[in-house]
């Protein structure tokens, strides 16, 4: 009889310890942050020069964690000037007014839609370098096409989704919608002002998670 009581006691003790252990683990677990989906409208990123002249002008920096433009030398992920988009990772190309890279940001271009691109391929990331930006410049090389005469329109290439690793190692995906102020459906390069970026983005704030 004493043996049976001892076994029952040990069994109940084990169950109690297991329960309190699970409860403790649950209490200490950190809940995941919510994925953020936003639209940025009319991000103005002018440049001077071009068309054979030296290019200059301040890059307009953007921070995915805050969803805001920033003037910080370090707390930025991507930046815009004219048709150029850079990341806070790698090295500078050496153009005038170009910021130094202080983070680990990187990017690659995926084919699809915002809805269809649901995960990150970490093997594809590249960074800016002294030979070129990770997002190539020029018509049909990176994010846009230039129509030339007579319209001279600059339009985002359909089906190009930009996957960014932020300076801190989280991820974001971006779809550029327009280069013209207020994102007109049928822009007129002779009337509508540039460069005013409008883009959708989805930000995955949980470091180490590669899905959106």
N, C-alpha and C. Protein backbone atom coordinates (compact mmCIF):
# COMPACT_ATOMS: atom_id res chain seq x y z
N UNK A 1 0.82 -1.19 0.00
CA UNK A 1 0.00 0.00 0.00
C UNK A 1 0.86 1.26 0.00
N UNK A 2 1.94 1.24 0.84
CA UNK A 2 2.84 2.38 0.91
C UNK A 2 3.50 2.65 -0.44
N UNK A 3 3.86 1.58 -1.17
CA UNK A 3 4.49 1.72 -2.48
C UNK A 3 3.56 2.37 -3.48
N UNK A 4 2.29 1.95 -3.46
CA UNK A 4 1.29 2.53 -4.37
C UNK A 4 1.12 4.01 -4.09
N UNK A 5 1.04 4.42 -2.80
CA UNK A 5 0.91 5.82 -2.46
C UNK A 5 2.11 6.63 -2.92
N UNK A 6 3.30 6.04 -2.79
CA UNK A 6 4.53 6.72 -3.22
C UNK A 6 4.53 6.95 -4.71
N UNK A 7 4.11 5.93 -5.47
CA UNK A 7 4.05 6.06 -6.94
C UNK A 7 3.07 7.14 -7.34
N UNK A 8 1.88 7.17 -6.67
CA UNK A 8 0.88 8.19 -6.97
C UNK A 8 1.43 9.58 -6.69
N UNK A 9 2.14 9.73 -5.58
CA UNK A 9 2.70 11.02 -5.20
C UNK A 9 3.72 11.50 -6.23
N UNK A 10 4.60 10.57 -6.62
CA UNK A 10 5.63 10.92 -7.60
C UNK A 10 5.01 11.30 -8.94
N UNK A 11 3.96 10.59 -9.32
CA UNK A 11 3.29 10.88 -10.58
C UNK A 11 2.67 12.27 -10.56
N UNK A 12 1.96 12.58 -9.46
CA UNK A 12 1.35 13.90 -9.33
C UNK A 12 2.41 15.00 -9.30
N UNK A 13 3.52 14.74 -8.61
CA UNK A 13 4.60 15.73 -8.54
C UNK A 13 5.18 16.00 -9.92
N UNK A 14 5.37 14.93 -10.71
CA UNK A 14 5.92 15.09 -12.06
C UNK A 14 4.97 15.90 -12.94
N UNK A 15 3.67 15.61 -12.83
CA UNK A 15 2.70 16.36 -13.61
C UNK A 15 2.69 17.83 -13.22
N UNK A 16 2.79 18.09 -11.93
CA UNK A 16 2.79 19.47 -11.46
C UNK A 16 4.02 20.22 -11.95
N UNK A 17 5.18 19.57 -11.88
CA UNK A 17 6.41 20.20 -12.35
C UNK A 17 6.34 20.48 -13.84
N UNK A 18 5.81 19.50 -14.61
CA UNK A 18 5.68 19.68 -16.05
C UNK A 18 4.75 20.82 -16.40
N UNK A 19 3.65 20.92 -15.65
CA UNK A 19 2.69 21.98 -15.91
C UNK A 19 3.28 23.35 -15.62
N UNK A 20 3.95 23.47 -14.46
CA UNK A 20 4.53 24.76 -14.10
C UNK A 20 5.65 25.13 -15.04
N UNK A 21 6.38 24.12 -15.55
CA UNK A 21 7.46 24.39 -16.50
C UNK A 21 6.90 24.94 -17.80
N UNK A 22 5.82 24.33 -18.31
CA UNK A 22 5.19 24.80 -19.55
C UNK A 22 4.64 26.20 -19.37
N UNK A 23 4.00 26.43 -18.18
CA UNK A 23 3.43 27.74 -17.93
C UNK A 23 4.52 28.79 -17.89
N UNK A 24 5.66 28.42 -17.29
CA UNK A 24 6.77 29.36 -17.21
C UNK A 24 7.30 29.69 -18.59
N UNK A 25 7.43 28.65 -19.45
CA UNK A 25 7.91 28.86 -20.81
C UNK A 25 6.97 29.78 -21.58
N UNK A 26 5.65 29.55 -21.41
CA UNK A 26 4.67 30.37 -22.11
C UNK A 26 4.73 31.81 -21.66
N UNK A 27 4.91 31.99 -20.32
CA UNK A 27 4.95 33.34 -19.78
C UNK A 27 6.16 34.11 -20.27
N UNK A 28 7.29 33.38 -20.51
CA UNK A 28 8.53 34.04 -20.88
C UNK A 28 8.69 34.21 -22.40
N UNK A 29 7.79 33.59 -23.17
CA UNK A 29 7.93 33.69 -24.62
C UNK A 29 7.59 35.10 -25.08
N UNK A 30 8.32 35.54 -26.10
CA UNK A 30 8.11 36.88 -26.64
C UNK A 30 7.16 36.82 -27.83
N UNK A 31 6.05 37.51 -27.78
CA UNK A 31 5.11 37.46 -28.92
C UNK A 31 5.73 38.12 -30.15
N UNK A 32 5.37 37.61 -31.31
CA UNK A 32 5.88 38.17 -32.55
C UNK A 32 5.24 39.52 -32.83
N UNK A 33 6.03 40.41 -33.41
CA UNK A 33 5.51 41.70 -33.83
C UNK A 33 4.69 41.53 -35.11
N UNK A 34 3.72 42.37 -35.29
CA UNK A 34 2.87 42.28 -36.48
C UNK A 34 3.61 42.77 -37.72
N UNK A 35 3.37 42.09 -38.83
CA UNK A 35 3.90 42.52 -40.12
C UNK A 35 3.19 43.82 -40.52
N UNK A 36 3.96 44.76 -41.03
CA UNK A 36 3.41 46.07 -41.39
C UNK A 36 3.29 46.21 -42.90
N UNK A 37 2.17 46.73 -43.35
CA UNK A 37 1.93 46.97 -44.77
C UNK A 37 1.52 48.42 -44.95
N UNK A 38 2.31 49.17 -45.73
CA UNK A 38 2.09 50.61 -45.84
C UNK A 38 2.30 51.09 -47.28
N UNK A 39 1.81 52.29 -47.56
CA UNK A 39 2.07 52.98 -48.81
C UNK A 39 2.74 54.31 -48.50
N UNK A 40 3.84 54.59 -49.18
CA UNK A 40 4.52 55.88 -49.07
C UNK A 40 4.20 56.67 -50.34
N UNK A 41 3.72 57.89 -50.15
CA UNK A 41 3.33 58.72 -51.29
C UNK A 41 4.20 59.97 -51.38
N UNK A 42 4.59 60.29 -52.60
CA UNK A 42 5.27 61.56 -52.90
C UNK A 42 6.57 61.76 -52.11
N UNK A 43 7.39 60.72 -52.04
CA UNK A 43 8.72 60.89 -51.46
C UNK A 43 9.57 61.64 -52.49
N UNK A 44 9.89 62.89 -52.17
CA UNK A 44 10.57 63.76 -53.13
C UNK A 44 12.07 63.56 -53.02
N UNK A 45 12.71 63.18 -54.13
CA UNK A 45 14.14 62.85 -54.13
C UNK A 45 14.85 63.47 -55.33
N UNK A 46 14.95 64.80 -55.36
CA UNK A 46 15.54 65.46 -56.54
C UNK A 46 17.06 65.30 -56.62
N UNK A 47 17.57 65.45 -57.82
CA UNK A 47 19.01 65.49 -58.03
C UNK A 47 19.32 66.66 -58.97
N UNK A 48 20.59 67.04 -58.99
CA UNK A 48 21.05 68.02 -59.96
C UNK A 48 22.03 67.34 -60.90
N UNK A 49 22.20 67.90 -62.07
CA UNK A 49 23.08 67.30 -63.06
C UNK A 49 22.40 66.20 -63.85
N UNK A 50 23.18 65.29 -64.36
CA UNK A 50 22.66 64.23 -65.22
C UNK A 50 22.79 64.62 -66.68
N UNK A 51 22.43 63.70 -67.58
CA UNK A 51 22.52 63.92 -69.02
C UNK A 51 23.93 64.40 -69.41
N UNK A 52 24.91 63.66 -68.88
CA UNK A 52 26.30 63.96 -69.20
C UNK A 52 26.99 64.89 -68.23
N UNK A 53 26.21 65.51 -67.32
CA UNK A 53 26.78 66.41 -66.32
C UNK A 53 26.93 65.66 -64.98
N UNK A 54 27.89 66.08 -64.14
CA UNK A 54 28.06 65.43 -62.84
C UNK A 54 26.78 65.47 -62.02
N UNK A 55 26.46 64.35 -61.40
CA UNK A 55 25.24 64.23 -60.61
C UNK A 55 25.54 64.54 -59.16
N UNK A 56 24.63 65.30 -58.52
CA UNK A 56 24.77 65.59 -57.10
C UNK A 56 23.38 65.76 -56.50
N UNK A 57 23.36 66.05 -55.22
CA UNK A 57 22.10 66.19 -54.51
C UNK A 57 22.01 65.19 -53.37
N UNK A 58 21.37 65.60 -52.30
CA UNK A 58 21.27 64.76 -51.10
C UNK A 58 20.35 63.57 -51.38
N UNK A 59 20.80 62.37 -50.99
CA UNK A 59 19.94 61.20 -51.04
C UNK A 59 18.91 61.29 -49.91
N UNK A 60 17.65 60.99 -50.24
CA UNK A 60 16.58 61.00 -49.25
C UNK A 60 16.49 59.60 -48.65
N UNK A 61 16.76 59.51 -47.34
CA UNK A 61 16.88 58.21 -46.66
C UNK A 61 15.56 57.79 -46.05
N UNK A 62 15.33 56.47 -46.05
CA UNK A 62 14.09 55.92 -45.52
C UNK A 62 14.41 54.77 -44.57
N UNK A 63 13.70 54.74 -43.45
CA UNK A 63 13.89 53.73 -42.41
C UNK A 63 12.62 52.87 -42.31
N UNK A 64 12.74 51.57 -42.60
CA UNK A 64 11.57 50.69 -42.57
C UNK A 64 11.02 50.53 -41.15
N UNK A 65 11.88 50.53 -40.14
CA UNK A 65 11.44 50.30 -38.77
C UNK A 65 10.47 51.38 -38.29
N UNK A 66 10.72 52.62 -38.70
CA UNK A 66 9.84 53.72 -38.31
C UNK A 66 8.83 54.07 -39.39
N UNK A 67 9.11 53.64 -40.63
CA UNK A 67 8.25 54.01 -41.75
C UNK A 67 8.35 55.48 -42.10
N UNK A 68 9.53 56.06 -41.84
CA UNK A 68 9.69 57.50 -42.02
C UNK A 68 10.97 57.84 -42.77
N UNK A 69 10.96 59.01 -43.41
CA UNK A 69 12.19 59.61 -43.93
C UNK A 69 13.06 60.01 -42.73
N UNK A 70 14.38 59.91 -42.89
CA UNK A 70 15.29 60.26 -41.82
C UNK A 70 16.51 60.99 -42.37
N UNK A 71 17.11 61.81 -41.54
CA UNK A 71 18.36 62.47 -41.90
C UNK A 71 19.55 61.85 -41.16
N UNK A 72 19.31 60.77 -40.45
CA UNK A 72 20.37 60.11 -39.69
C UNK A 72 21.47 59.59 -40.62
N UNK A 73 22.69 59.66 -40.14
CA UNK A 73 23.82 59.12 -40.91
C UNK A 73 23.87 57.60 -40.84
N UNK A 74 23.19 57.00 -39.86
CA UNK A 74 23.30 55.56 -39.65
C UNK A 74 21.97 54.81 -39.69
N UNK A 75 20.90 55.44 -39.19
CA UNK A 75 19.63 54.73 -39.03
C UNK A 75 18.74 54.86 -40.26
N UNK A 76 19.21 54.27 -41.37
CA UNK A 76 18.44 54.26 -42.60
C UNK A 76 18.69 52.94 -43.32
N UNK A 77 17.74 52.55 -44.17
CA UNK A 77 17.84 51.28 -44.90
C UNK A 77 18.03 51.48 -46.39
N UNK A 78 17.22 52.36 -46.98
CA UNK A 78 17.32 52.65 -48.41
C UNK A 78 17.28 54.16 -48.59
N UNK A 79 17.74 54.62 -49.74
CA UNK A 79 17.74 56.06 -50.01
C UNK A 79 17.55 56.30 -51.50
N UNK A 80 16.98 57.46 -51.82
CA UNK A 80 16.58 57.79 -53.18
C UNK A 80 17.21 59.10 -53.62
N UNK A 81 17.62 59.17 -54.90
CA UNK A 81 18.02 60.42 -55.53
C UNK A 81 17.82 60.28 -57.04
N UNK A 82 16.95 61.11 -57.59
CA UNK A 82 16.61 60.93 -58.99
C UNK A 82 16.06 59.53 -59.21
N UNK A 83 16.59 58.83 -60.19
CA UNK A 83 16.14 57.46 -60.45
C UNK A 83 16.98 56.42 -59.72
N UNK A 84 17.94 56.86 -58.91
CA UNK A 84 18.83 55.93 -58.20
C UNK A 84 18.26 55.55 -56.84
N UNK A 85 18.37 54.27 -56.50
CA UNK A 85 17.97 53.77 -55.19
C UNK A 85 19.17 53.00 -54.62
N UNK A 86 19.59 53.37 -53.41
CA UNK A 86 20.74 52.73 -52.79
C UNK A 86 20.33 52.06 -51.48
N UNK A 87 21.22 51.20 -50.97
CA UNK A 87 20.98 50.52 -49.69
C UNK A 87 22.10 50.88 -48.72
N UNK A 88 21.78 50.77 -47.44
CA UNK A 88 22.77 51.07 -46.40
C UNK A 88 23.60 49.82 -46.11
N UNK A 89 24.34 49.42 -47.13
CA UNK A 89 25.21 48.26 -47.01
C UNK A 89 26.16 48.21 -48.19
N UNK A 90 27.39 47.80 -47.94
CA UNK A 90 28.40 47.77 -48.99
C UNK A 90 29.25 49.02 -48.94
N UNK A 91 29.60 49.56 -50.12
CA UNK A 91 30.44 50.76 -50.19
C UNK A 91 29.83 51.75 -51.17
N UNK A 92 30.32 52.97 -51.15
CA UNK A 92 29.79 54.00 -52.02
C UNK A 92 30.32 53.85 -53.44
N UNK A 93 29.55 54.38 -54.38
CA UNK A 93 29.98 54.46 -55.77
C UNK A 93 30.93 55.64 -55.96
N UNK A 94 30.86 56.60 -55.04
CA UNK A 94 31.76 57.75 -55.10
C UNK A 94 31.16 58.99 -55.70
N UNK A 95 29.84 59.04 -55.87
CA UNK A 95 29.21 60.23 -56.44
C UNK A 95 29.12 61.33 -55.38
N UNK A 96 28.98 62.55 -55.82
CA UNK A 96 28.86 63.69 -54.91
C UNK A 96 27.62 63.55 -54.04
N UNK A 97 27.77 63.84 -52.76
CA UNK A 97 26.69 63.83 -51.77
C UNK A 97 26.18 62.43 -51.43
N UNK A 98 26.87 61.41 -51.86
CA UNK A 98 26.43 60.04 -51.57
C UNK A 98 26.79 59.67 -50.13
N UNK A 99 25.84 59.12 -49.35
CA UNK A 99 26.14 58.80 -47.95
C UNK A 99 27.02 57.56 -47.82
N UNK A 100 27.79 57.51 -46.74
CA UNK A 100 28.56 56.32 -46.43
C UNK A 100 27.63 55.20 -45.98
N UNK A 101 28.01 53.97 -46.27
CA UNK A 101 27.23 52.81 -45.85
C UNK A 101 27.74 52.37 -44.48
N UNK A 102 26.83 52.30 -43.51
CA UNK A 102 27.22 51.94 -42.15
C UNK A 102 26.53 50.68 -41.65
N UNK A 103 25.57 50.16 -42.43
CA UNK A 103 24.78 49.01 -41.97
C UNK A 103 25.01 47.78 -42.83
N UNK A 104 24.15 46.79 -42.63
CA UNK A 104 24.26 45.54 -43.38
C UNK A 104 23.14 45.34 -44.37
N UNK A 105 22.54 46.44 -44.84
CA UNK A 105 21.41 46.33 -45.77
C UNK A 105 21.85 45.76 -47.11
N UNK A 106 20.90 45.12 -47.78
CA UNK A 106 21.14 44.50 -49.08
C UNK A 106 19.81 44.35 -49.79
N UNK A 107 19.84 43.92 -51.07
CA UNK A 107 18.61 43.84 -51.85
C UNK A 107 18.76 42.83 -52.97
N UNK A 108 17.64 42.28 -53.42
CA UNK A 108 17.58 41.59 -54.70
C UNK A 108 16.21 41.82 -55.31
N UNK A 109 16.09 41.56 -56.60
CA UNK A 109 14.84 41.79 -57.33
C UNK A 109 14.16 40.45 -57.60
N UNK A 110 12.91 40.32 -57.15
CA UNK A 110 12.12 39.12 -57.39
C UNK A 110 11.08 39.42 -58.46
N UNK A 111 10.73 38.41 -59.22
CA UNK A 111 9.68 38.53 -60.23
C UNK A 111 8.37 38.02 -59.65
N UNK A 112 7.32 38.83 -59.79
CA UNK A 112 6.02 38.42 -59.26
C UNK A 112 5.19 39.62 -58.86
N UNK A 113 4.34 39.41 -57.88
CA UNK A 113 3.51 40.48 -57.33
C UNK A 113 3.75 40.54 -55.82
N UNK A 114 3.26 41.60 -55.20
CA UNK A 114 3.40 41.70 -53.75
C UNK A 114 2.73 40.51 -53.05
N UNK A 115 1.63 40.04 -53.62
CA UNK A 115 0.92 38.92 -53.01
C UNK A 115 1.64 37.60 -53.23
N UNK A 116 2.28 37.44 -54.38
CA UNK A 116 2.89 36.14 -54.70
C UNK A 116 4.28 35.95 -54.10
N UNK A 117 4.97 37.04 -53.81
CA UNK A 117 6.31 36.93 -53.21
C UNK A 117 6.12 36.90 -51.70
N UNK A 118 6.23 35.73 -51.12
CA UNK A 118 5.89 35.55 -49.71
C UNK A 118 7.07 35.15 -48.83
N UNK A 119 8.24 34.93 -49.43
CA UNK A 119 9.39 34.51 -48.63
C UNK A 119 10.66 35.15 -49.18
N UNK A 120 11.72 35.06 -48.39
CA UNK A 120 13.00 35.68 -48.70
C UNK A 120 14.02 34.60 -49.06
N UNK A 121 14.74 34.80 -50.16
CA UNK A 121 15.85 33.92 -50.52
C UNK A 121 17.14 34.64 -50.12
N UNK A 122 17.69 34.27 -48.98
CA UNK A 122 18.83 35.02 -48.43
C UNK A 122 20.09 34.86 -49.27
N UNK A 123 20.11 33.88 -50.17
CA UNK A 123 21.30 33.67 -51.00
C UNK A 123 21.41 34.68 -52.14
N UNK A 124 20.37 35.46 -52.38
CA UNK A 124 20.34 36.36 -53.54
C UNK A 124 20.74 37.80 -53.22
N UNK A 125 20.93 38.13 -51.97
CA UNK A 125 21.17 39.52 -51.60
C UNK A 125 22.51 40.04 -52.12
N UNK A 126 22.48 41.30 -52.59
CA UNK A 126 23.70 41.99 -52.98
C UNK A 126 23.70 43.39 -52.36
N UNK A 127 24.89 43.98 -52.29
CA UNK A 127 25.03 45.30 -51.71
C UNK A 127 25.64 46.26 -52.72
N UNK A 128 25.57 47.53 -52.42
CA UNK A 128 26.19 48.54 -53.27
C UNK A 128 27.71 48.38 -53.25
N UNK A 129 28.35 48.82 -54.34
CA UNK A 129 29.81 48.70 -54.42
C UNK A 129 30.38 49.88 -55.19
N UNK A 130 31.70 49.93 -55.29
CA UNK A 130 32.33 51.03 -56.01
C UNK A 130 32.24 50.87 -57.52
N UNK A 131 31.62 49.77 -57.97
CA UNK A 131 31.42 49.57 -59.41
C UNK A 131 29.96 49.71 -59.83
N UNK A 132 29.04 49.78 -58.87
CA UNK A 132 27.63 49.93 -59.22
C UNK A 132 26.72 49.68 -58.04
N UNK A 133 25.50 50.17 -58.12
CA UNK A 133 24.52 49.95 -57.07
C UNK A 133 23.91 48.56 -57.20
N UNK A 134 23.44 48.04 -56.08
CA UNK A 134 22.80 46.73 -56.08
C UNK A 134 21.53 46.72 -56.93
N UNK A 135 20.80 47.85 -56.93
CA UNK A 135 19.70 48.04 -57.88
C UNK A 135 20.28 48.79 -59.07
N UNK A 136 20.46 48.14 -60.20
CA UNK A 136 21.15 48.79 -61.33
C UNK A 136 20.43 50.04 -61.81
N UNK A 137 21.20 51.00 -62.27
CA UNK A 137 20.63 52.22 -62.83
C UNK A 137 20.45 52.06 -64.34
N UNK A 138 19.68 52.96 -64.93
CA UNK A 138 19.46 52.92 -66.37
C UNK A 138 18.17 52.24 -66.75
N UNK A 139 17.64 52.60 -67.90
CA UNK A 139 16.38 52.05 -68.38
C UNK A 139 16.45 50.54 -68.56
N UNK A 140 15.43 49.86 -68.02
CA UNK A 140 15.26 48.40 -68.14
C UNK A 140 16.34 47.61 -67.42
N UNK A 141 17.12 48.26 -66.59
CA UNK A 141 18.17 47.55 -65.85
C UNK A 141 17.78 47.25 -64.40
N UNK A 142 16.96 48.09 -63.83
CA UNK A 142 16.60 47.94 -62.43
C UNK A 142 15.11 48.02 -62.20
N UNK A 143 14.64 49.21 -61.79
CA UNK A 143 13.23 49.33 -61.42
C UNK A 143 12.37 50.02 -62.47
N UNK A 144 12.97 50.71 -63.47
CA UNK A 144 12.15 51.52 -64.37
C UNK A 144 12.53 51.35 -65.84
N UNK A 145 11.60 51.80 -66.68
CA UNK A 145 11.84 51.91 -68.12
C UNK A 145 11.68 53.38 -68.52
N UNK A 146 12.54 53.82 -69.42
CA UNK A 146 12.43 55.18 -69.96
C UNK A 146 11.95 55.06 -71.40
N UNK A 147 10.84 55.72 -71.70
CA UNK A 147 10.20 55.55 -73.01
C UNK A 147 10.91 56.31 -74.12
N UNK A 148 11.63 57.39 -73.77
CA UNK A 148 12.24 58.20 -74.82
C UNK A 148 11.19 59.03 -75.54
N UNK A 149 11.57 59.69 -76.65
CA UNK A 149 10.61 60.52 -77.40
C UNK A 149 9.48 59.66 -77.94
N UNK A 150 8.27 60.18 -78.06
CA UNK A 150 7.89 61.57 -77.75
C UNK A 150 7.43 61.77 -76.31
N UNK A 151 7.20 60.67 -75.54
CA UNK A 151 6.57 60.83 -74.22
C UNK A 151 7.58 61.12 -73.12
N UNK A 152 8.79 60.56 -73.23
CA UNK A 152 9.84 60.72 -72.21
C UNK A 152 9.40 60.24 -70.83
N UNK A 153 8.51 59.27 -70.79
CA UNK A 153 8.00 58.79 -69.51
C UNK A 153 8.98 57.82 -68.83
N UNK A 154 9.03 57.92 -67.51
CA UNK A 154 9.75 56.96 -66.67
C UNK A 154 8.70 56.18 -65.89
N UNK A 155 8.65 54.88 -66.12
CA UNK A 155 7.60 54.06 -65.50
C UNK A 155 8.21 52.83 -64.85
N UNK A 156 7.67 52.42 -63.70
CA UNK A 156 8.15 51.19 -63.05
C UNK A 156 7.93 49.98 -63.94
N UNK A 157 8.91 49.07 -63.94
CA UNK A 157 8.78 47.83 -64.70
C UNK A 157 7.79 46.92 -63.97
N UNK A 158 6.72 46.47 -64.63
CA UNK A 158 5.74 45.60 -63.97
C UNK A 158 6.38 44.29 -63.51
N UNK A 159 5.90 43.79 -62.38
CA UNK A 159 6.33 42.47 -61.91
C UNK A 159 7.67 42.45 -61.22
N UNK A 160 8.21 43.62 -60.86
CA UNK A 160 9.48 43.69 -60.15
C UNK A 160 9.21 44.03 -58.67
N UNK A 161 9.54 43.08 -57.80
CA UNK A 161 9.38 43.28 -56.37
C UNK A 161 10.78 43.29 -55.75
N UNK A 162 11.05 44.30 -54.95
CA UNK A 162 12.38 44.47 -54.37
C UNK A 162 12.38 43.96 -52.94
N UNK A 163 13.23 42.98 -52.69
CA UNK A 163 13.34 42.37 -51.38
C UNK A 163 14.56 42.96 -50.69
N UNK A 164 14.33 43.62 -49.57
CA UNK A 164 15.42 44.28 -48.84
C UNK A 164 15.71 43.57 -47.53
N UNK A 165 16.98 43.43 -47.24
CA UNK A 165 17.41 43.15 -45.87
C UNK A 165 17.75 44.50 -45.26
N UNK A 166 17.20 44.80 -44.11
CA UNK A 166 17.45 46.09 -43.49
C UNK A 166 18.83 46.11 -42.84
N UNK A 167 19.23 47.26 -42.38
CA UNK A 167 20.55 47.40 -41.77
C UNK A 167 20.69 46.52 -40.53
N UNK A 168 19.53 46.18 -39.89
CA UNK A 168 19.56 45.39 -38.66
C UNK A 168 19.25 43.92 -38.88
N UNK A 169 18.98 43.52 -40.13
CA UNK A 169 18.77 42.11 -40.42
C UNK A 169 17.33 41.65 -40.48
N UNK A 170 16.36 42.56 -40.47
CA UNK A 170 14.98 42.19 -40.76
C UNK A 170 14.74 42.36 -42.26
N UNK A 171 13.50 42.16 -42.72
CA UNK A 171 13.25 42.13 -44.16
C UNK A 171 12.05 43.00 -44.54
N UNK A 172 12.08 43.46 -45.79
CA UNK A 172 10.96 44.22 -46.34
C UNK A 172 10.86 43.92 -47.83
N UNK A 173 9.65 44.03 -48.36
CA UNK A 173 9.46 43.93 -49.81
C UNK A 173 8.78 45.20 -50.29
N UNK A 174 9.16 45.65 -51.49
CA UNK A 174 8.72 46.95 -52.00
C UNK A 174 8.27 46.82 -53.44
N UNK A 175 7.19 47.50 -53.76
CA UNK A 175 6.73 47.63 -55.14
C UNK A 175 6.63 49.12 -55.45
N UNK A 176 7.40 49.58 -56.43
CA UNK A 176 7.36 50.99 -56.81
C UNK A 176 6.19 51.22 -57.76
N UNK A 177 5.35 52.18 -57.44
CA UNK A 177 4.13 52.43 -58.20
C UNK A 177 4.25 53.59 -59.17
N UNK A 178 4.97 54.64 -58.78
CA UNK A 178 5.01 55.82 -59.62
C UNK A 178 6.23 56.67 -59.30
N UNK A 179 6.66 57.44 -60.31
CA UNK A 179 7.78 58.37 -60.20
C UNK A 179 7.28 59.81 -60.28
N UNK A 180 5.97 59.97 -60.42
CA UNK A 180 5.38 61.29 -60.65
C UNK A 180 4.53 61.73 -59.46
N UNK A 181 4.51 63.03 -59.22
CA UNK A 181 3.78 63.57 -58.08
C UNK A 181 2.31 63.17 -58.13
N UNK A 182 1.83 62.68 -56.98
CA UNK A 182 0.44 62.23 -56.79
C UNK A 182 0.10 60.98 -57.61
N UNK A 183 1.11 60.32 -58.16
CA UNK A 183 0.93 59.02 -58.84
C UNK A 183 -0.23 59.02 -59.84
N UNK A 184 -0.20 59.88 -60.86
CA UNK A 184 -1.29 59.89 -61.85
C UNK A 184 -1.36 58.57 -62.61
N UNK A 185 -2.57 58.18 -62.94
CA UNK A 185 -2.77 56.93 -63.69
C UNK A 185 -2.13 57.03 -65.07
N UNK A 186 -2.28 58.16 -65.71
CA UNK A 186 -1.68 58.40 -67.03
C UNK A 186 -0.77 59.63 -66.94
N UNK A 187 0.45 59.45 -66.46
CA UNK A 187 1.33 60.61 -66.27
C UNK A 187 1.74 61.26 -67.57
N UNK A 188 2.01 62.55 -67.47
CA UNK A 188 2.50 63.35 -68.59
C UNK A 188 3.84 63.93 -68.16
N UNK A 189 4.91 63.49 -68.79
CA UNK A 189 6.25 63.91 -68.38
C UNK A 189 6.48 65.41 -68.54
N UNK A 190 5.64 66.08 -69.33
CA UNK A 190 5.78 67.52 -69.54
C UNK A 190 4.95 68.34 -68.56
N UNK A 191 4.11 67.65 -67.80
CA UNK A 191 3.21 68.35 -66.86
C UNK A 191 3.44 67.89 -65.42
N UNK A 192 3.52 66.58 -65.22
CA UNK A 192 3.62 66.03 -63.86
C UNK A 192 5.06 66.09 -63.35
N UNK A 193 5.19 66.54 -62.11
CA UNK A 193 6.50 66.76 -61.51
C UNK A 193 7.17 65.45 -61.09
N UNK A 194 8.50 65.43 -61.19
CA UNK A 194 9.32 64.31 -60.74
C UNK A 194 10.49 64.89 -59.94
N UNK A 195 11.23 64.07 -59.21
CA UNK A 195 10.93 62.68 -58.87
C UNK A 195 10.18 62.59 -57.54
N UNK A 196 8.97 62.06 -57.59
CA UNK A 196 8.14 61.85 -56.41
C UNK A 196 7.76 60.36 -56.37
N UNK A 197 8.46 59.62 -55.53
CA UNK A 197 8.22 58.18 -55.46
C UNK A 197 6.96 57.86 -54.67
N UNK A 198 6.16 56.98 -55.23
CA UNK A 198 5.07 56.34 -54.49
C UNK A 198 5.32 54.84 -54.55
N UNK A 199 5.30 54.20 -53.38
CA UNK A 199 5.56 52.75 -53.35
C UNK A 199 4.83 52.08 -52.19
N UNK A 200 4.49 50.82 -52.42
CA UNK A 200 3.96 49.97 -51.36
C UNK A 200 5.11 49.19 -50.73
N UNK A 201 5.00 48.95 -49.43
CA UNK A 201 5.98 48.07 -48.82
C UNK A 201 5.34 47.23 -47.71
N UNK A 202 5.93 46.07 -47.49
CA UNK A 202 5.57 45.19 -46.39
C UNK A 202 6.84 44.96 -45.58
N UNK A 203 6.76 45.20 -44.28
CA UNK A 203 7.93 45.11 -43.40
C UNK A 203 7.74 43.99 -42.40
N UNK A 204 8.71 43.06 -42.39
CA UNK A 204 8.70 41.96 -41.42
C UNK A 204 9.68 42.35 -40.30
N UNK A 205 9.16 42.80 -39.16
CA UNK A 205 10.04 43.33 -38.11
C UNK A 205 10.73 42.28 -37.26
N UNK A 206 10.31 41.03 -37.38
CA UNK A 206 10.87 39.97 -36.55
C UNK A 206 12.14 39.41 -37.16
N UNK A 207 13.26 39.71 -36.54
CA UNK A 207 14.57 39.29 -37.08
C UNK A 207 14.66 37.78 -37.13
N UNK A 208 15.12 37.27 -38.25
CA UNK A 208 15.28 35.84 -38.43
C UNK A 208 14.11 35.16 -39.12
N UNK A 209 12.99 35.85 -39.25
CA UNK A 209 11.83 35.29 -39.94
C UNK A 209 11.85 35.75 -41.39
N UNK A 210 11.82 34.81 -42.31
CA UNK A 210 12.03 35.10 -43.73
C UNK A 210 10.75 34.98 -44.55
N UNK A 211 9.61 35.12 -43.89
CA UNK A 211 8.33 35.10 -44.60
C UNK A 211 7.57 36.39 -44.33
N UNK A 212 6.67 36.72 -45.27
CA UNK A 212 5.86 37.93 -45.13
C UNK A 212 4.41 37.57 -44.90
